């Protein structure tokens, strides 16, 4: 059977699973063009993450909210560096883990654990909705955040519900990730060289828009994106694109992983 993405050039923002994503697209006949939009870096000061891990191990939290798999893995690495891997895993086994989506759930499974409560919708609002069904006033909740202000509404709503929050942001984004290459990608988009751009995280969208603004290419980018297919791994990324006035967006209906994203793009190509 002919590969369903044969001849298509897909712009793939850098991500933790970049090689896997590219191989999956190439198996469908596509050309995967890599663009370094976001680089995840270690914290410049690791002490807040170390102190958070110590609080978890001491039994300070009733619940822990995991927003990203990357965050959980980096906090586990922080525990490992302090010789506390077994204590970290044991502590996670005693608290209730609440996950926003499939990525943190996968990271928990890597530790031999599973979420006790998963948001029905893989968004921060989905986490709030899941917890709002019960009385969480006075509960000590560790909250793994990601860089930027996208988690501010989550924190505000949980505090309104009376929770005692203990947030931690265990990694940072490199603010100037190869801007020249991002500008080159914008010119490729504008020149009609790209058929699909596939986003796997909201920071990728934010960074693309920011670089376009810095280079005076906002209108060029918007016109280019209006003429190609925009794909997103799930509703969180779709919401970010919508906030910037970008769309329509192609995404999986359920199961927000790389494989369903590739399948959604392939299925779109099959349609007459």
C-alpha atoms as a PDB file:
ATOM      1  CA  UNK A   1       0.000   0.000   0.000  1.00  0.00           C
ATOM      2  CA  UNK A   2       1.275   3.484  -0.836  1.00  0.00           C
ATOM      3  CA  UNK A   3       2.526   5.474   2.138  1.00  0.00           C
ATOM      4  CA  UNK A   4      -0.199   7.936   3.100  1.00  0.00           C
ATOM      5  CA  UNK A   5       2.118  10.919   3.617  1.00  0.00           C
ATOM      6  CA  UNK A   6       4.184  10.235   0.534  1.00  0.00           C
ATOM      7  CA  UNK A   7       5.762  13.400  -0.845  1.00  0.00           C
ATOM      8  CA  UNK A   8       4.664  15.574   2.067  1.00  0.00           C
ATOM      9  CA  UNK A   9       7.198  17.776   3.862  1.00  0.00           C
ATOM     10  CA  UNK A  10       6.368  18.161   7.545  1.00  0.00           C
ATOM     11  CA  UNK A  11       8.000  20.740   9.789  1.00  0.00           C
ATOM     12  CA  UNK A  12       8.735  19.057  13.103  1.00  0.00           C
ATOM     13  CA  UNK A  13       9.648  21.280  16.081  1.00  0.00           C
ATOM     14  CA  UNK A  14      12.407  19.911  18.288  1.00  0.00           C
ATOM     15  CA  UNK A  15      11.095  17.879  21.184  1.00  0.00           C
ATOM     16  CA  UNK A  16      12.161  15.139  23.574  1.00  0.00           C
ATOM     17  CA  UNK A  17      10.797  12.481  21.197  1.00  0.00           C
ATOM     18  CA  UNK A  18      12.018  14.156  18.002  1.00  0.00           C
ATOM     19  CA  UNK A  19      13.809  11.139  16.553  1.00  0.00           C
ATOM     20  CA  UNK A  20      10.869   8.833  17.212  1.00  0.00           C
ATOM     21  CA  UNK A  21       8.387  11.317  15.730  1.00  0.00           C
ATOM     22  CA  UNK A  22      10.537  11.819  12.624  1.00  0.00           C
ATOM     23  CA  UNK A  23      10.874   8.057  12.074  1.00  0.00           C
ATOM     24  CA  UNK A  24       7.118   7.579  12.358  1.00  0.00           C
ATOM     25  CA  UNK A  25       6.482  10.296   9.770  1.00  0.00           C
ATOM     26  CA  UNK A  26       9.153   8.953   7.426  1.00  0.00           C
ATOM     27  CA  UNK A  27       7.592   5.474   7.678  1.00  0.00           C
ATOM     28  CA  UNK A  28       4.483   7.059   6.161  1.00  0.00           C
ATOM     29  CA  UNK A  29       6.541   8.484   3.293  1.00  0.00           C
ATOM     30  CA  UNK A  30       6.929  12.035   4.596  1.00  0.00           C
ATOM     31  CA  UNK A  31      10.042  14.166   4.734  1.00  0.00           C
ATOM     32  CA  UNK A  32      10.516  15.379   8.318  1.00  0.00           C
ATOM     33  CA  UNK A  33      12.198  18.782   8.490  1.00  0.00           C
ATOM     34  CA  UNK A  34      13.477  19.584  11.977  1.00  0.00           C
ATOM     35  CA  UNK A  35      13.229  23.055  13.490  1.00  0.00           C
ATOM     36  CA  UNK A  36      14.766  23.908  16.901  1.00  0.00           C
ATOM     37  CA  UNK A  37      11.951  25.840  18.553  1.00  0.00           C
ATOM     38  CA  UNK A  38      12.392  24.913  22.220  1.00  0.00           C
ATOM     39  CA  UNK A  39      15.337  23.583  24.170  1.00  0.00           C
ATOM     40  CA  UNK A  40      14.716  22.236  27.680  1.00  0.00           C
ATOM     41  CA  UNK A  41      17.520  23.016  30.125  1.00  0.00           C
ATOM     42  CA  UNK A  42      18.488  22.253  33.715  1.00  0.00           C
ATOM     43  CA  UNK A  43      17.675  24.838  36.343  1.00  0.00           C
ATOM     44  CA  UNK A  44      20.373  27.397  37.038  1.00  0.00           C
ATOM     45  CA  UNK A  45      19.611  26.971  40.746  1.00  0.00           C
ATOM     46  CA  UNK A  46      18.595  23.414  41.612  1.00  0.00           C
ATOM     47  CA  UNK A  47      17.873  24.116  45.282  1.00  0.00           C
ATOM     48  CA  UNK A  48      14.090  24.700  44.950  1.00  0.00           C
ATOM     49  CA  UNK A  49      13.681  21.359  43.173  1.00  0.00           C
ATOM     50  CA  UNK A  50      15.900  19.619  45.734  1.00  0.00           C
ATOM     51  CA  UNK A  51      13.902  21.082  48.607  1.00  0.00           C
ATOM     52  CA  UNK A  52      10.613  20.056  46.938  1.00  0.00           C
ATOM     53  CA  UNK A  53      11.850  16.477  46.549  1.00  0.00           C
ATOM     54  CA  UNK A  54      12.913  16.445  50.211  1.00  0.00           C
ATOM     55  CA  UNK A  55       9.445  17.665  51.242  1.00  0.00           C
ATOM     56  CA  UNK A  56       7.827  14.896  49.197  1.00  0.00           C
ATOM     57  CA  UNK A  57      10.032  12.242  50.776  1.00  0.00           C
ATOM     58  CA  UNK A  58       9.260  13.604  54.269  1.00  0.00           C
ATOM     59  CA  UNK A  59       5.557  13.038  53.603  1.00  0.00           C
ATOM     60  CA  UNK A  60       4.626  16.715  53.381  1.00  0.00           C
ATOM     61  CA  UNK A  61       2.065  16.284  50.562  1.00  0.00           C
ATOM     62  CA  UNK A  62      -1.317  14.622  50.385  1.00  0.00           C
ATOM     63  CA  UNK A  63      -1.471  14.827  46.589  1.00  0.00           C
ATOM     64  CA  UNK A  64       0.896  15.642  43.747  1.00  0.00           C
ATOM     65  CA  UNK A  65      -0.260  17.094  40.438  1.00  0.00           C
ATOM     66  CA  UNK A  66       1.900  16.170  37.451  1.00  0.00           C
ATOM     67  CA  UNK A  67       1.481  18.418  34.428  1.00  0.00           C
ATOM     68  CA  UNK A  68       4.312  17.087  32.264  1.00  0.00           C
ATOM     69  CA  UNK A  69       6.276  13.882  31.920  1.00  0.00           C
ATOM     70  CA  UNK A  70       9.470  15.914  31.575  1.00  0.00           C
ATOM     71  CA  UNK A  71       8.865  17.487  34.972  1.00  0.00           C
ATOM     72  CA  UNK A  72       8.397  14.145  36.717  1.00  0.00           C
ATOM     73  CA  UNK A  73      11.501  12.678  35.074  1.00  0.00           C
ATOM     74  CA  UNK A  74      13.623  15.669  36.080  1.00  0.00           C
ATOM     75  CA  UNK A  75      12.449  15.548  39.691  1.00  0.00           C
ATOM     76  CA  UNK A  76      13.198  11.828  39.734  1.00  0.00           C
ATOM     77  CA  UNK A  77      16.683  12.645  38.418  1.00  0.00           C
ATOM     78  CA  UNK A  78      17.047  15.237  41.184  1.00  0.00           C
ATOM     79  CA  UNK A  79      16.238  12.541  43.735  1.00  0.00           C
ATOM     80  CA  UNK A  80      18.682  10.143  42.051  1.00  0.00           C
ATOM     81  CA  UNK A  81      21.488  12.717  42.231  1.00  0.00           C
ATOM     82  CA  UNK A  82      20.948  12.907  46.002  1.00  0.00           C
ATOM     83  CA  UNK A  83      20.926   9.129  46.386  1.00  0.00           C
ATOM     84  CA  UNK A  84      17.208   9.164  47.075  1.00  0.00           C
ATOM     85  CA  UNK A  85      15.698   7.191  44.200  1.00  0.00           C
ATOM     86  CA  UNK A  86      14.054   4.486  46.329  1.00  0.00           C
ATOM     87  CA  UNK A  87      12.770   7.023  48.853  1.00  0.00           C
ATOM     88  CA  UNK A  88      11.356   9.167  46.029  1.00  0.00           C
ATOM     89  CA  UNK A  89       9.485   6.255  44.443  1.00  0.00           C
ATOM     90  CA  UNK A  90       8.242   5.053  47.830  1.00  0.00           C
ATOM     91  CA  UNK A  91       6.966   8.538  48.656  1.00  0.00           C
ATOM     92  CA  UNK A  92       5.132   8.735  45.333  1.00  0.00           C
ATOM     93  CA  UNK A  93       3.518   5.420  46.153  1.00  0.00           C
ATOM     94  CA  UNK A  94       2.070   6.918  49.339  1.00  0.00           C
ATOM     95  CA  UNK A  95       0.558  10.111  47.874  1.00  0.00           C
ATOM     96  CA  UNK A  96      -2.235  10.486  45.364  1.00  0.00           C
ATOM     97  CA  UNK A  97      -0.786  11.316  41.959  1.00  0.00           C
ATOM     98  CA  UNK A  98      -3.012  13.425  39.697  1.00  0.00           C
ATOM     99  CA  UNK A  99      -2.039  13.589  36.023  1.00  0.00           C
ATOM    100  CA  UNK A 100      -3.014  16.100  33.362  1.00  0.00           C
ATOM    101  CA  UNK A 101      -2.453  13.840  30.362  1.00  0.00           C
ATOM    102  CA  UNK A 102      -0.739  10.740  28.992  1.00  0.00           C
ATOM    103  CA  UNK A 103       2.861  12.000  29.228  1.00  0.00           C
ATOM    104  CA  UNK A 104       3.070  12.256  33.036  1.00  0.00           C
ATOM    105  CA  UNK A 105       1.099   9.013  33.314  1.00  0.00           C
ATOM    106  CA  UNK A 106       3.756   7.350  31.128  1.00  0.00           C
ATOM    107  CA  UNK A 107       6.532   8.799  33.304  1.00  0.00           C
ATOM    108  CA  UNK A 108       4.826   7.359  36.408  1.00  0.00           C
ATOM    109  CA  UNK A 109       4.629   3.934  34.770  1.00  0.00           C
ATOM    110  CA  UNK A 110       8.384   4.104  34.150  1.00  0.00           C
ATOM    111  CA  UNK A 111       8.724   4.176  37.956  1.00  0.00           C
ATOM    112  CA  UNK A 112       6.339   1.258  38.381  1.00  0.00           C
ATOM    113  CA  UNK A 113       3.461   3.517  39.486  1.00  0.00           C
ATOM    114  CA  UNK A 114       0.152   4.691  38.076  1.00  0.00           C
ATOM    115  CA  UNK A 115      -1.960   7.828  38.518  1.00  0.00           C
ATOM    116  CA  UNK A 116      -4.666   7.628  41.152  1.00  0.00           C
ATOM    117  CA  UNK A 117      -6.646  10.372  39.419  1.00  0.00           C
ATOM    118  CA  UNK A 118      -6.413  11.416  35.773  1.00  0.00           C
ATOM    119  CA  UNK A 119      -8.018  14.502  34.294  1.00  0.00           C
ATOM    120  CA  UNK A 120     -10.853  13.545  31.944  1.00  0.00           C
ATOM    121  CA  UNK A 121      -9.670  16.301  29.602  1.00  0.00           C
ATOM    122  CA  UNK A 122      -5.852  16.574  29.379  1.00  0.00           C
ATOM    123  CA  UNK A 123      -5.728  20.254  30.286  1.00  0.00           C
ATOM    124  CA  UNK A 124      -5.050  22.251  33.434  1.00  0.00           C
ATOM    125  CA  UNK A 125      -8.762  23.004  33.612  1.00  0.00           C
ATOM    126  CA  UNK A 126      -9.364  19.266  33.424  1.00  0.00           C
ATOM    127  CA  UNK A 127      -7.209  18.855  36.538  1.00  0.00           C
ATOM    128  CA  UNK A 128      -9.201  21.546  38.366  1.00  0.00           C
ATOM    129  CA  UNK A 129     -12.485  19.932  37.323  1.00  0.00           C
ATOM    130  CA  UNK A 130     -11.340  16.528  38.610  1.00  0.00           C
ATOM    131  CA  UNK A 131     -10.313  17.919  42.003  1.00  0.00           C
ATOM    132  CA  UNK A 132     -13.310  20.249  42.317  1.00  0.00           C
ATOM    133  CA  UNK A 133     -15.589  17.221  42.665  1.00  0.00           C
ATOM    134  CA  UNK A 134     -14.358  16.802  46.238  1.00  0.00           C
ATOM    135  CA  UNK A 135     -13.387  18.978  49.185  1.00  0.00           C
ATOM    136  CA  UNK A 136      -9.667  19.745  48.868  1.00  0.00           C
ATOM    137  CA  UNK A 137      -9.645  22.617  51.374  1.00  0.00           C
ATOM    138  CA  UNK A 138      -6.588  22.265  53.587  1.00  0.00           C
ATOM    139  CA  UNK A 139      -5.014  19.462  51.551  1.00  0.00           C
ATOM    140  CA  UNK A 140      -1.286  19.870  50.934  1.00  0.00           C
ATOM    141  CA  UNK A 141      -0.778  19.506  47.198  1.00  0.00           C
ATOM    142  CA  UNK A 142       2.564  19.439  45.419  1.00  0.00           C
ATOM    143  CA  UNK A 143       2.189  20.920  41.936  1.00  0.00           C
ATOM    144  CA  UNK A 144       4.768  20.272  39.221  1.00  0.00           C
ATOM    145  CA  UNK A 145       4.680  23.283  36.919  1.00  0.00           C
ATOM    146  CA  UNK A 146       6.333  24.108  33.608  1.00  0.00           C
ATOM    147  CA  UNK A 147       8.081  27.384  32.687  1.00  0.00           C
ATOM    148  CA  UNK A 148       6.030  30.427  31.754  1.00  0.00           C
ATOM    149  CA  UNK A 149       2.728  31.783  33.010  1.00  0.00           C
ATOM    150  CA  UNK A 150       0.445  29.150  31.457  1.00  0.00           C
ATOM    151  CA  UNK A 151      -0.153  27.493  34.834  1.00  0.00           C
ATOM    152  CA  UNK A 152      -1.234  30.668  36.646  1.00  0.00           C
ATOM    153  CA  UNK A 153      -4.994  29.967  36.229  1.00  0.00           C
ATOM    154  CA  UNK A 154      -4.526  26.452  37.637  1.00  0.00           C
ATOM    155  CA  UNK A 155      -2.759  27.785  40.738  1.00  0.00           C
ATOM    156  CA  UNK A 156      -5.365  30.509  41.239  1.00  0.00           C
ATOM    157  CA  UNK A 157      -8.328  28.122  40.985  1.00  0.00           C
ATOM    158  CA  UNK A 158      -6.821  25.529  43.327  1.00  0.00           C
ATOM    159  CA  UNK A 159      -6.155  28.226  45.913  1.00  0.00           C
ATOM    160  CA  UNK A 160      -9.754  29.378  45.593  1.00  0.00           C
ATOM    161  CA  UNK A 161     -10.763  25.804  46.446  1.00  0.00           C
ATOM    162  CA  UNK A 162      -8.730  26.107  49.658  1.00  0.00           C
ATOM    163  CA  UNK A 163      -5.803  23.842  48.790  1.00  0.00           C
ATOM    164  CA  UNK A 164      -2.393  24.400  50.385  1.00  0.00           C
ATOM    165  CA  UNK A 165      -0.123  24.468  47.341  1.00  0.00           C
ATOM    166  CA  UNK A 166       3.565  23.621  47.059  1.00  0.00           C
ATOM    167  CA  UNK A 167       4.588  24.365  43.453  1.00  0.00           C
ATOM    168  CA  UNK A 168       7.879  23.506  41.781  1.00  0.00           C
ATOM    169  CA  UNK A 169       9.194  24.194  38.266  1.00  0.00           C
ATOM    170  CA  UNK A 170      11.940  21.604  37.667  1.00  0.00           C
ATOM    171  CA  UNK A 171      13.321  22.831  34.339  1.00  0.00           C
ATOM    172  CA  UNK A 172      13.599  25.912  32.167  1.00  0.00           C
ATOM    173  CA  UNK A 173      13.470  26.755  28.474  1.00  0.00           C
ATOM    174  CA  UNK A 174      16.401  28.238  26.599  1.00  0.00           C
ATOM    175  CA  UNK A 175      15.050  31.620  25.539  1.00  0.00           C
ATOM    176  CA  UNK A 176      17.142  32.023  22.404  1.00  0.00           C
ATOM    177  CA  UNK A 177      17.090  28.607  20.789  1.00  0.00           C
ATOM    178  CA  UNK A 178      18.783  29.037  17.403  1.00  0.00           C
ATOM    179  CA  UNK A 179      16.621  31.942  16.276  1.00  0.00           C
ATOM    180  CA  UNK A 180      18.334  32.075  12.871  1.00  0.00           C
ATOM    181  CA  UNK A 181      17.203  28.547  12.043  1.00  0.00           C
ATOM    182  CA  UNK A 182      13.667  29.379  13.151  1.00  0.00           C
ATOM    183  CA  UNK A 183      13.676  32.391  10.798  1.00  0.00           C
ATOM    184  CA  UNK A 184      14.866  30.102   7.991  1.00  0.00           C
ATOM    185  CA  UNK A 185      11.922  27.785   8.732  1.00  0.00           C
ATOM    186  CA  UNK A 186       9.498  30.729   8.548  1.00  0.00           C
ATOM    187  CA  UNK A 187      10.877  31.584   5.100  1.00  0.00           C
ATOM    188  CA  UNK A 188      10.429  27.954   4.022  1.00  0.00           C
ATOM    189  CA  UNK A 189       6.820  28.122   5.203  1.00  0.00           C
ATOM    190  CA  UNK A 190       6.290  31.366   3.290  1.00  0.00           C
ATOM    191  CA  UNK A 191       7.910  29.915   0.182  1.00  0.00           C
ATOM    192  CA  UNK A 192       5.459  27.016   0.008  1.00  0.00           C
ATOM    193  CA  UNK A 193       8.116  24.412   0.871  1.00  0.00           C
ATOM    194  CA  UNK A 194       6.197  22.967   3.829  1.00  0.00           C
ATOM    195  CA  UNK A 195       2.923  21.032   3.629  1.00  0.00           C
ATOM    196  CA  UNK A 196       2.225  20.469   7.340  1.00  0.00           C
ATOM    197  CA  UNK A 197       3.589  21.838  10.608  1.00  0.00           C
ATOM    198  CA  UNK A 198       3.082  19.517  13.583  1.00  0.00           C
ATOM    199  CA  UNK A 199       3.246  20.941  17.115  1.00  0.00           C
ATOM    200  CA  UNK A 200       3.712  18.684  20.144  1.00  0.00           C
ATOM    201  CA  UNK A 201       3.790  21.339  22.896  1.00  0.00           C
ATOM    202  CA  UNK A 202       2.497  24.849  23.538  1.00  0.00           C
ATOM    203  CA  UNK A 203       5.968  26.374  24.096  1.00  0.00           C
ATOM    204  CA  UNK A 204       6.807  25.487  20.487  1.00  0.00           C
ATOM    205  CA  UNK A 205       3.911  27.664  19.318  1.00  0.00           C
ATOM    206  CA  UNK A 206       4.888  30.487  21.674  1.00  0.00           C
ATOM    207  CA  UNK A 207       8.490  30.415  20.468  1.00  0.00           C
ATOM    208  CA  UNK A 208       7.587  30.419  16.771  1.00  0.00           C
ATOM    209  CA  UNK A 209       5.328  33.441  17.257  1.00  0.00           C
ATOM    210  CA  UNK A 210       7.986  35.208  19.359  1.00  0.00           C
ATOM    211  CA  UNK A 211      10.756  34.709  16.789  1.00  0.00           C
ATOM    212  CA  UNK A 212       8.465  35.904  13.999  1.00  0.00           C
ATOM    213  CA  UNK A 213       7.786  39.038  16.026  1.00  0.00           C
ATOM    214  CA  UNK A 214      11.470  39.660  16.734  1.00  0.00           C
ATOM    215  CA  UNK A 215      12.270  39.307  13.007  1.00  0.00           C
ATOM    216  CA  UNK A 216       9.347  41.438  11.808  1.00  0.00           C
ATOM    217  CA  UNK A 217       7.796  38.402  10.120  1.00  0.00           C
ATOM    218  CA  UNK A 218       4.459  38.208  11.970  1.00  0.00           C
ATOM    219  CA  UNK A 219       2.326  38.813   8.876  1.00  0.00           C
ATOM    220  CA  UNK A 220       4.532  36.585   6.732  1.00  0.00           C
ATOM    221  CA  UNK A 221       4.128  33.739   9.223  1.00  0.00           C
ATOM    222  CA  UNK A 222       0.361  34.169   9.556  1.00  0.00           C
ATOM    223  CA  UNK A 223      -0.134  34.117   5.787  1.00  0.00           C
ATOM    224  CA  UNK A 224       2.064  31.030   5.516  1.00  0.00           C
ATOM    225  CA  UNK A 225       0.243  29.150   8.266  1.00  0.00           C
ATOM    226  CA  UNK A 226      -3.109  30.020   6.701  1.00  0.00           C
ATOM    227  CA  UNK A 227      -2.072  28.151   3.551  1.00  0.00           C
ATOM    228  CA  UNK A 228      -0.879  24.862   5.107  1.00  0.00           C
ATOM    229  CA  UNK A 229      -2.190  22.174   7.442  1.00  0.00           C
ATOM    230  CA  UNK A 230      -1.524  22.824  11.140  1.00  0.00           C
ATOM    231  CA  UNK A 231      -1.460  19.707  13.319  1.00  0.00           C
ATOM    232  CA  UNK A 232      -1.422  19.523  17.129  1.00  0.00           C
ATOM    233  CA  UNK A 233      -0.897  16.603  19.458  1.00  0.00           C
ATOM    234  CA  UNK A 234      -3.872  17.476  21.670  1.00  0.00           C
ATOM    235  CA  UNK A 235      -6.294  20.054  23.028  1.00  0.00           C
ATOM    236  CA  UNK A 236      -3.736  21.987  25.118  1.00  0.00           C
ATOM    237  CA  UNK A 237      -1.683  22.804  22.011  1.00  0.00           C
ATOM    238  CA  UNK A 238      -4.854  23.432  20.012  1.00  0.00           C
ATOM    239  CA  UNK A 239      -5.998  25.968  22.622  1.00  0.00           C
ATOM    240  CA  UNK A 240      -2.656  27.773  22.348  1.00  0.00           C
ATOM    241  CA  UNK A 241      -2.924  27.934  18.552  1.00  0.00           C
ATOM    242  CA  UNK A 242      -6.490  29.208  18.843  1.00  0.00           C
ATOM    243  CA  UNK A 243      -5.342  31.906  21.281  1.00  0.00           C
ATOM    244  CA  UNK A 244      -3.050  33.200  18.545  1.00  0.00           C
ATOM    245  CA  UNK A 245      -5.865  33.083  16.000  1.00  0.00           C
ATOM    246  CA  UNK A 246      -4.355  30.113  14.155  1.00  0.00           C
ATOM    247  CA  UNK A 247      -6.385  27.281  12.685  1.00  0.00           C
ATOM    248  CA  UNK A 248      -8.172  25.166  11.731  1.00  0.00           C
ATOM    249  CA  UNK A 249      -6.148  22.603  13.628  1.00  0.00           C
ATOM    250  CA  UNK A 250      -5.909  18.893  12.895  1.00  0.00           C
ATOM    251  CA  UNK A 251      -5.488  16.715  16.005  1.00  0.00           C
ATOM    252  CA  UNK A 252      -6.405  13.266  17.338  1.00  0.00           C
ATOM    253  CA  UNK A 253      -9.872  13.002  18.814  1.00  0.00           C
ATOM    254  CA  UNK A 254      -8.633  10.859  21.687  1.00  0.00           C
ATOM    255  CA  UNK A 255      -5.333   9.430  22.950  1.00  0.00           C
ATOM    256  CA  UNK A 256      -3.008  12.386  22.587  1.00  0.00           C
ATOM    257  CA  UNK A 257       0.258  10.695  21.674  1.00  0.00           C
ATOM    258  CA  UNK A 258       2.610  10.798  18.689  1.00  0.00           C
ATOM    259  CA  UNK A 259       1.167   7.700  17.013  1.00  0.00           C
ATOM    260  CA  UNK A 260      -2.441   9.007  16.971  1.00  0.00           C
ATOM    261  CA  UNK A 261      -1.123  12.361  15.714  1.00  0.00           C
ATOM    262  CA  UNK A 262       0.623  10.677  12.800  1.00  0.00           C
ATOM    263  CA  UNK A 263      -2.515   8.636  12.131  1.00  0.00           C
ATOM    264  CA  UNK A 264      -4.674  11.776  12.125  1.00  0.00           C
ATOM    265  CA  UNK A 265      -2.380  13.403   9.550  1.00  0.00           C
ATOM    266  CA  UNK A 266      -2.336  10.250   7.425  1.00  0.00           C
ATOM    267  CA  UNK A 267      -6.119   9.910   7.574  1.00  0.00           C
ATOM    268  CA  UNK A 268      -6.521  13.528   6.481  1.00  0.00           C
ATOM    269  CA  UNK A 269      -4.395  12.769   3.418  1.00  0.00           C
ATOM    270  CA  UNK A 270      -6.626   9.825   2.499  1.00  0.00           C
ATOM    271  CA  UNK A 271      -9.722  11.998   2.335  1.00  0.00           C
ATOM    272  CA  UNK A 272     -10.687  13.123  -1.179  1.00  0.00           C
END
